Amino acid sequence: MPSSVNVFGEPESYDHFIYEKESQNKVGELRVKPSSILWKPKGAHKYFSAPLDDFIEWMKDKKTVAK
């Protein structure tokens, strides 16, 4: 087989669909980009967005109780 002259580009974002474990009902979508985190609840048409720097600070805040 000849070597390829084309390559796949890297995706600009990664989408994850979140479902309830028991019922498999969709909860929403999480989109991760290099510069932001986006959340779209089930049935919504638009994403809620937070800059990655703000998300990092929120996760590190002791009030968040993230581990």
PDB file of N, CA and C in Angstrom:
ATOM      1  N   MET A   1       0.849  -1.163   0.000  1.00  0.00           N
ATOM      2  CA  MET A   1       0.000   0.000   0.000  1.00  0.00           C
ATOM      3  C   MET A   1       0.902   1.236   0.000  1.00  0.00           C
ATOM      4  N   PRO A   2       0.608   2.233  -0.856  1.00  0.00           N
ATOM      5  CA  PRO A   2       1.447   3.435  -0.890  1.00  0.00           C
ATOM      6  C   PRO A   2       1.268   4.272   0.380  1.00  0.00           C
ATOM      7  N   SER A   3       2.322   5.014   0.734  1.00  0.00           N
ATOM      8  CA  SER A   3       2.198   5.873   1.913  1.00  0.00           C
ATOM      9  C   SER A   3       1.239   7.021   1.611  1.00  0.00           C
ATOM     10  N   SER A   4       0.558   7.481   2.646  1.00  0.00           N
ATOM     11  CA  SER A   4      -0.447   8.524   2.485  1.00  0.00           C
ATOM     12  C   SER A   4       0.190   9.905   2.404  1.00  0.00           C
ATOM     13  N   VAL A   5      -0.383  10.767   1.597  1.00  0.00           N
ATOM     14  CA  VAL A   5       0.071  12.149   1.521  1.00  0.00           C
ATOM     15  C   VAL A   5      -0.827  13.058   2.357  1.00  0.00           C
ATOM     16  N   ASN A   6      -1.882  12.491   2.929  1.00  0.00           N
ATOM     17  CA  ASN A   6      -2.830  13.251   3.750  1.00  0.00           C
ATOM     18  C   ASN A   6      -2.803  12.747   5.189  1.00  0.00           C
ATOM     19  N   VAL A   7      -3.162  13.628   6.119  1.00  0.00           N
ATOM     20  CA  VAL A   7      -3.247  13.238   7.534  1.00  0.00           C
ATOM     21  C   VAL A   7      -4.532  13.800   8.127  1.00  0.00           C
ATOM     22  N   PHE A   8      -4.973  13.206   9.231  1.00  0.00           N
ATOM     23  CA  PHE A   8      -6.121  13.727   9.947  1.00  0.00           C
ATOM     24  C   PHE A   8      -5.689  14.920  10.786  1.00  0.00           C
ATOM     25  N   GLY A   9      -6.495  15.959  10.818  1.00  0.00           N
ATOM     26  CA  GLY A   9      -6.247  17.090  11.700  1.00  0.00           C
ATOM     27  C   GLY A   9      -6.752  16.759  13.100  1.00  0.00           C
ATOM     28  N   GLU A  10      -6.189  17.422  14.097  1.00  0.00           N
ATOM     29  CA  GLU A  10      -6.653  17.207  15.460  1.00  0.00           C
ATOM     30  C   GLU A  10      -7.994  17.905  15.647  1.00  0.00           C
ATOM     31  N   PRO A  11      -8.884  17.332  16.447  1.00  0.00           N
ATOM     32  CA  PRO A  11     -10.164  18.003  16.685  1.00  0.00           C
ATOM     33  C   PRO A  11      -9.960  19.294  17.478  1.00  0.00           C
ATOM     34  N   GLU A  12     -10.822  20.270  17.228  1.00  0.00           N
ATOM     35  CA  GLU A  12     -10.751  21.545  17.941  1.00  0.00           C
ATOM     36  C   GLU A  12     -11.388  21.452  19.315  1.00  0.00           C
ATOM     37  N   SER A  13     -12.221  20.433  19.514  1.00  0.00           N
ATOM     38  CA  SER A  13     -12.871  20.236  20.808  1.00  0.00           C
ATOM     39  C   SER A  13     -13.225  18.764  20.963  1.00  0.00           C
ATOM     40  N   TYR A  14     -13.531  18.394  22.200  1.00  0.00           N
ATOM     41  CA  TYR A  14     -13.972  17.039  22.502  1.00  0.00           C
ATOM     42  C   TYR A  14     -15.348  17.131  23.138  1.00  0.00           C
ATOM     43  N   ASP A  15     -16.318  16.408  22.605  1.00  0.00           N
ATOM     44  CA  ASP A  15     -17.677  16.404  23.134  1.00  0.00           C
ATOM     45  C   ASP A  15     -17.926  15.112  23.901  1.00  0.00           C
ATOM     46  N   HIS A  16     -18.561  15.263  25.047  1.00  0.00           N
ATOM     47  CA  HIS A  16     -18.914  14.113  25.872  1.00  0.00           C
ATOM     48  C   HIS A  16     -20.391  14.223  26.215  1.00  0.00           C
ATOM     49  N   PHE A  17     -21.126  13.147  25.989  1.00  0.00           N
ATOM     50  CA  PHE A  17     -22.543  13.110  26.303  1.00  0.00           C
ATOM     51  C   PHE A  17     -22.698  12.425  27.652  1.00  0.00           C
ATOM     52  N   ILE A  18     -23.416  13.071  28.570  1.00  0.00           N
ATOM     53  CA  ILE A  18     -23.573  12.580  29.930  1.00  0.00           C
ATOM     54  C   ILE A  18     -24.972  11.981  30.086  1.00  0.00           C
ATOM     55  N   TYR A  19     -25.022  10.752  30.625  1.00  0.00           N
ATOM     56  CA  TYR A  19     -26.284  10.039  30.816  1.00  0.00           C
ATOM     57  C   TYR A  19     -26.414   9.591  32.270  1.00  0.00           C
ATOM     58  N   GLU A  20     -27.655   9.497  32.743  1.00  0.00           N
ATOM     59  CA  GLU A  20     -27.899   8.912  34.056  1.00  0.00           C
ATOM     60  C   GLU A  20     -27.556   7.429  33.966  1.00  0.00           C
ATOM     61  N   LYS A  21     -26.891   6.919  34.976  1.00  0.00           N
ATOM     62  CA  LYS A  21     -26.413   5.542  34.929  1.00  0.00           C
ATOM     63  C   LYS A  21     -27.559   4.530  34.860  1.00  0.00           C
ATOM     64  N   GLU A  22     -28.545   4.692  35.718  1.00  0.00           N
ATOM     65  CA  GLU A  22     -29.633   3.710  35.797  1.00  0.00           C
ATOM     66  C   GLU A  22     -30.568   3.765  34.585  1.00  0.00           C
ATOM     67  N   SER A  23     -31.083   4.947  34.286  1.00  0.00           N
ATOM     68  CA  SER A  23     -32.118   5.072  33.250  1.00  0.00           C
ATOM     69  C   SER A  23     -31.569   5.331  31.855  1.00  0.00           C
ATOM     70  N   GLN A  24     -30.302   5.711  31.768  1.00  0.00           N
ATOM     71  CA  GLN A  24     -29.666   6.087  30.500  1.00  0.00           C
ATOM     72  C   GLN A  24     -30.308   7.328  29.874  1.00  0.00           C
ATOM     73  N   ASN A  25     -31.035   8.120  30.681  1.00  0.00           N
ATOM     74  CA  ASN A  25     -31.564   9.392  30.190  1.00  0.00           C
ATOM     75  C   ASN A  25     -30.418  10.388  30.048  1.00  0.00           C
ATOM     76  N   LYS A  26     -30.448  11.141  28.965  1.00  0.00           N
ATOM     77  CA  LYS A  26     -29.388  12.123  28.732  1.00  0.00           C
ATOM     78  C   LYS A  26     -29.524  13.284  29.717  1.00  0.00           C
ATOM     79  N   VAL A  27     -28.413  13.670  30.329  1.00  0.00           N
ATOM     80  CA  VAL A  27     -28.370  14.790  31.255  1.00  0.00           C
ATOM     81  C   VAL A  27     -27.929  16.052  30.513  1.00  0.00           C
ATOM     82  N   GLY A  28     -26.949  15.910  29.622  1.00  0.00           N
ATOM     83  CA  GLY A  28     -26.451  17.058  28.872  1.00  0.00           C
ATOM     84  C   GLY A  28     -25.176  16.721  28.131  1.00  0.00           C
ATOM     85  N   GLU A  29     -24.512  17.772  27.653  1.00  0.00           N
ATOM     86  CA  GLU A  29     -23.279  17.611  26.890  1.00  0.00           C
ATOM     87  C   GLU A  29     -22.188  18.482  27.488  1.00  0.00           C
ATOM     88  N   LEU A  30     -20.993  17.933  27.540  1.00  0.00           N
ATOM     89  CA  LEU A  30     -19.827  18.657  27.991  1.00  0.00           C
ATOM     90  C   LEU A  30     -18.876  18.779  26.811  1.00  0.00           C
ATOM     91  N   ARG A  31     -18.450  19.999  26.513  1.00  0.00           N
ATOM     92  CA  ARG A  31     -17.501  20.229  25.416  1.00  0.00           C
ATOM     93  C   ARG A  31     -16.243  20.836  26.017  1.00  0.00           C
ATOM     94  N   VAL A  32     -15.109  20.241  25.694  1.00  0.00           N
ATOM     95  CA  VAL A  32     -13.822  20.713  26.208  1.00  0.00           C
ATOM     96  C   VAL A  32     -13.014  21.273  25.048  1.00  0.00           C
ATOM     97  N   LYS A  33     -12.614  22.532  25.195  1.00  0.00           N
ATOM     98  CA  LYS A  33     -11.774  23.203  24.207  1.00  0.00           C
ATOM     99  C   LYS A  33     -10.481  23.616  24.897  1.00  0.00           C
ATOM    100  N   PRO A  34      -9.454  23.939  24.146  1.00  0.00           N
ATOM    101  CA  PRO A  34      -8.206  24.366  24.775  1.00  0.00           C
ATOM    102  C   PRO A  34      -8.360  25.632  25.618  1.00  0.00           C
ATOM    103  N   SER A  35      -9.351  26.457  25.312  1.00  0.00           N
ATOM    104  CA  SER A  35      -9.491  27.726  26.016  1.00  0.00           C
ATOM    105  C   SER A  35     -10.724  27.815  26.902  1.00  0.00           C
ATOM    106  N   SER A  36     -11.635  26.836  26.839  1.00  0.00           N
ATOM    107  CA  SER A  36     -12.868  26.939  27.611  1.00  0.00           C
ATOM    108  C   SER A  36     -13.524  25.587  27.845  1.00  0.00           C
ATOM    109  N   ILE A  37     -14.434  25.585  28.803  1.00  0.00           N
ATOM    110  CA  ILE A  37     -15.280  24.429  29.110  1.00  0.00           C
ATOM    111  C   ILE A  37     -16.709  24.869  28.836  1.00  0.00           C
ATOM    112  N   LEU A  38     -17.475  24.048  28.127  1.00  0.00           N
ATOM    113  CA  LEU A  38     -18.854  24.404  27.808  1.00  0.00           C
ATOM    114  C   LEU A  38     -19.803  23.308  28.292  1.00  0.00           C
ATOM    115  N   TRP A  39     -20.984  23.713  28.752  1.00  0.00           N
ATOM    116  CA  TRP A  39     -21.999  22.774  29.233  1.00  0.00           C
ATOM    117  C   TRP A  39     -23.326  23.120  28.589  1.00  0.00           C
ATOM    118  N   LYS A  40     -24.026  22.098  28.066  1.00  0.00           N
ATOM    119  CA  LYS A  40     -25.352  22.289  27.494  1.00  0.00           C
ATOM    120  C   LYS A  40     -26.283  21.259  28.126  1.00  0.00           C
ATOM    121  N   PRO A  41     -27.237  21.719  28.952  1.00  0.00           N
ATOM    122  CA  PRO A  41     -28.183  20.778  29.540  1.00  0.00           C
ATOM    123  C   PRO A  41     -29.064  20.133  28.470  1.00  0.00           C
ATOM    124  N   LYS A  42     -29.622  19.003  28.802  1.00  0.00           N
ATOM    125  CA  LYS A  42     -30.535  18.292  27.895  1.00  0.00           C
ATOM    126  C   LYS A  42     -31.640  19.248  27.425  1.00  0.00           C
ATOM    127  N   GLY A  43     -31.881  19.291  26.135  1.00  0.00           N
ATOM    128  CA  GLY A  43     -32.951  20.104  25.566  1.00  0.00           C
ATOM    129  C   GLY A  43     -32.560  21.544  25.279  1.00  0.00           C
ATOM    130  N   ALA A  44     -31.398  21.981  25.728  1.00  0.00           N
ATOM    131  CA  ALA A  44     -30.967  23.357  25.476  1.00  0.00           C
ATOM    132  C   ALA A  44     -30.388  23.480  24.073  1.00  0.00           C
ATOM    133  N   HIS A  45     -30.444  24.684  23.535  1.00  0.00           N
ATOM    134  CA  HIS A  45     -29.908  24.923  22.202  1.00  0.00           C
ATOM    135  C   HIS A  45     -28.541  25.586  22.234  1.00  0.00           C
ATOM    136  N   LYS A  46     -28.203  26.204  23.373  1.00  0.00           N
ATOM    137  CA  LYS A  46     -26.926  26.904  23.481  1.00  0.00           C
ATOM    138  C   LYS A  46     -26.133  26.372  24.670  1.00  0.00           C
ATOM    139  N   TYR A  47     -24.815  26.492  24.553  1.00  0.00           N
ATOM    140  CA  TYR A  47     -23.914  26.077  25.621  1.00  0.00           C
ATOM    141  C   TYR A  47     -23.704  27.211  26.624  1.00  0.00           C
ATOM    142  N   PHE A  48     -23.514  26.853  27.874  1.00  0.00           N
ATOM    143  CA  PHE A  48     -22.993  27.754  28.888  1.00  0.00           C
ATOM    144  C   PHE A  48     -21.476  27.594  28.808  1.00  0.00           C
ATOM    145  N   SER A  49     -20.733  28.697  28.889  1.00  0.00           N
ATOM    146  CA  SER A  49     -19.298  28.636  28.684  1.00  0.00           C
ATOM    147  C   SER A  49     -18.548  29.312  29.819  1.00  0.00           C
ATOM    148  N   ALA A  50     -17.393  28.754  30.163  1.00  0.00           N
ATOM    149  CA  ALA A  50     -16.488  29.362  31.135  1.00  0.00           C
ATOM    150  C   ALA A  50     -15.073  29.265  30.587  1.00  0.00           C
ATOM    151  N   PRO A  51     -14.318  30.366  30.670  1.00  0.00           N
ATOM    152  CA  PRO A  51     -12.920  30.293  30.249  1.00  0.00           C
ATOM    153  C   PRO A  51     -12.170  29.248  31.079  1.00  0.00           C
ATOM    154  N   LEU A  52     -11.236  28.573  30.477  1.00  0.00           N
ATOM    155  CA  LEU A  52     -10.501  27.519  31.157  1.00  0.00           C
ATOM    156  C   LEU A  52      -9.811  28.041  32.418  1.00  0.00           C
ATOM    157  N   ASP A  53      -9.255  29.238  32.371  1.00  0.00           N
ATOM    158  CA  ASP A  53      -8.589  29.807  33.544  1.00  0.00           C
ATOM    159  C   ASP A  53      -9.567  29.970  34.712  1.00  0.00           C
ATOM    160  N   ASP A  54     -10.798  30.432  34.421  1.00  0.00           N
ATOM    161  CA  ASP A  54     -11.810  30.572  35.476  1.00  0.00           C
ATOM    162  C   ASP A  54     -12.211  29.213  36.032  1.00  0.00           C
ATOM    163  N   PHE A  55     -12.341  28.225  35.154  1.00  0.00           N
ATOM    164  CA  PHE A  55     -12.697  26.871  35.585  1.00  0.00           C
ATOM    165  C   PHE A  55     -11.611  26.304  36.501  1.00  0.00           C
ATOM    166  N   ILE A  56     -10.354  26.509  36.141  1.00  0.00           N
ATOM    167  CA  ILE A  56      -9.233  26.009  36.951  1.00  0.00           C
ATOM    168  C   ILE A  56      -9.261  26.650  38.333  1.00  0.00           C
ATOM    169  N   GLU A  57      -9.451  27.966  38.389  1.00  0.00           N
ATOM    170  CA  GLU A  57      -9.502  28.656  39.683  1.00  0.00           C
ATOM    171  C   GLU A  57     -10.681  28.179  40.517  1.00  0.00           C
ATOM    172  N   TRP A  58     -11.827  27.971  39.890  1.00  0.00           N
ATOM    173  CA  TRP A  58     -13.014  27.479  40.597  1.00  0.00           C
ATOM    174  C   TRP A  58     -12.759  26.087  41.171  1.00  0.00           C
ATOM    175  N   MET A  59     -12.125  25.213  40.399  1.00  0.00           N
ATOM    176  CA  MET A  59     -11.854  23.858  40.870  1.00  0.00           C
ATOM    177  C   MET A  59     -10.851  23.864  42.006  1.00  0.00           C
ATOM    178  N   LYS A  60      -9.909  24.778  42.028  1.00  0.00           N
ATOM    179  CA  LYS A  60      -8.898  24.838  43.072  1.00  0.00           C
ATOM    180  C   LYS A  60      -9.393  25.542  44.335  1.00  0.00           C
ATOM    181  N   ASP A  61     -10.511  26.265  44.247  1.00  0.00           N
ATOM    182  CA  ASP A  61     -11.059  26.988  45.396  1.00  0.00           C
ATOM    183  C   ASP A  61     -11.509  25.992  46.471  1.00  0.00           C
ATOM    184  N   LYS A  62     -11.116  26.205  47.699  1.00  0.00           N
ATOM    185  CA  LYS A  62     -11.475  25.294  48.805  1.00  0.00           C
ATOM    186  C   LYS A  62     -12.978  25.209  49.001  1.00  0.00           C
ATOM    187  N   LYS A  63     -13.729  26.265  48.655  1.00  0.00           N
ATOM    188  CA  LYS A  63     -15.193  26.254  48.790  1.00  0.00           C
ATOM    189  C   LYS A  63     -15.841  25.252  47.832  1.00  0.00           C
ATOM    190  N   THR A  64     -15.165  24.934  46.742  1.00  0.00           N
ATOM    191  CA  THR A  64     -15.705  23.997  45.748  1.00  0.00           C
ATOM    192  C   THR A  64     -15.726  22.569  46.288  1.00  0.00           C
ATOM    193  N   VAL A  65     -14.830  22.255  47.196  1.00  0.00           N
ATOM    194  CA  VAL A  65     -14.678  20.931  47.793  1.00  0.00           C
ATOM    195  C   VAL A  65     -14.341  19.884  46.725  1.00  0.00           C
ATOM    196  N   ALA A  66     -13.624  20.301  45.688  1.00  0.00           N
ATOM    197  CA  ALA A  66     -13.185  19.362  44.650  1.00  0.00           C
ATOM    198  C   ALA A  66     -11.977  18.602  45.147  1.00  0.00           C
ATOM    199  N   LYS A  67     -11.874  17.344  44.768  1.00  0.00           N
ATOM    200  CA  LYS A  67     -10.745  16.508  45.170  1.00  0.00           C
ATOM    201  C   LYS A  67     -10.044  15.973  43.942  1.00  0.00           C
TER     202      LYS A  67
END
